[in-house]
Amino acid sequence: MENTDSTSTPEQRSPLQSLEDQIALLTEINTNIQSLRRPTSFFQPAEIASGLTVGGGVVQIYHDPPIETGFKQVKALAEKLQSKPVQEALKAAKESATKEPIGLSLGRRRRHPPKRPVTPESPPPLRSFQPKTLSFFPPDSDHQYPPLCLDDFAEYAKDYNRKGRFHLQIWTATKHDPNRPLPDPPIVRFVIPDVFTVYMTLGTISPGSSVIVESATAFGSREKKPPHAQSDFVVFQSLSQHLVKILQSKPQASFQSIVNLLEDYEDLFVRACVVCGRLITGESHVPPVVRTWRGTPPPVGKTSLWDARHPLCLD
């Protein structure tokens, strides 16, 4: 039976095996060179290896002096460096160093040059920050609507209810008689069905002047509470707080401009915030109860001139 040698010949070795052999050979050469760079051990006296008795006398046998051993190691290293396998390994290493890395990591990290820090003499330019002023009303809201006096309010409410899908009426603790004068102070209830009810207390700057809104409170559409109470729901509590800010921003805003803004809340529970893009916030879990005047035509497919925002998305 023929005996087959399992050792592969150089022609049969894979490129990876050849590379490993070359790395091992160059590692051995480097180790020898490092040992020869410490010559102090070569300048020690020779040691006696053994003694032999010859003709009644003792003959001492010495090792080669260390300096001679060092020369022999240098000569052997020089011959090994000139050998064909070492020369081929050195040539392959030189060619590999000039090539682009192929992504093969041998346990060493590539060192990137340190980034140059910014010197104190050349700081990065500061961005000019000018906070954007947000408005709740259009710029011409003061002259957009005709004056509305308290004596004409009942007729205005009837006409409004006939034309629109929202409801506006005077609120009284008891059933109101149309022939009786308005209560003092007059309170108006504005209703968007299935969304909310807002109670507004009316007033005038001077007798006979146009009607303004002095206070406003929002409730759920099915809440049965008086105007001076507070809603049980966080969303309407937050909306009431925002209505206070609206009235404080423009105390003399006309009643019609307030109603026009309230009409934009028809999609309160389905319209996302223009800042964060979400309907419900993660902090207070309320929809966008803030409306700010956009100042530009609405996007395609939209009709509202106000932007919806969460209270925390105003900054």
Foldseek 3Di string as FASTA:
>chain_A
DDDDDPDDDPVPDDPVVLLVVLVVVVVVLVVLVVVLVPCPVQPDAWDFPDWDQDPNDIDTDTDDRSVVVSVVSVVVSVVVCPDPSNVVSVVVVVVVVPDDDPPDDPPDDDDDDDDDDDDPVDDDDDDDDDDDDFAAFPPCQVPPDDFAAQVCVVVVQVVVVVPDPKHKDWDDPDDDDPVDGADVQIWMWIDDPQAKIKIWGWDAPDPPGGIFTDAIFIEGNPDDDDNVDHYPDPQRNVLRVQVVVNCVVPVPRGPVRVVVSVVVCNCQQPDAAPQPRHQADPPSRYGQSDWTAQNDQDDPPDHDRTGGHHPVRPD
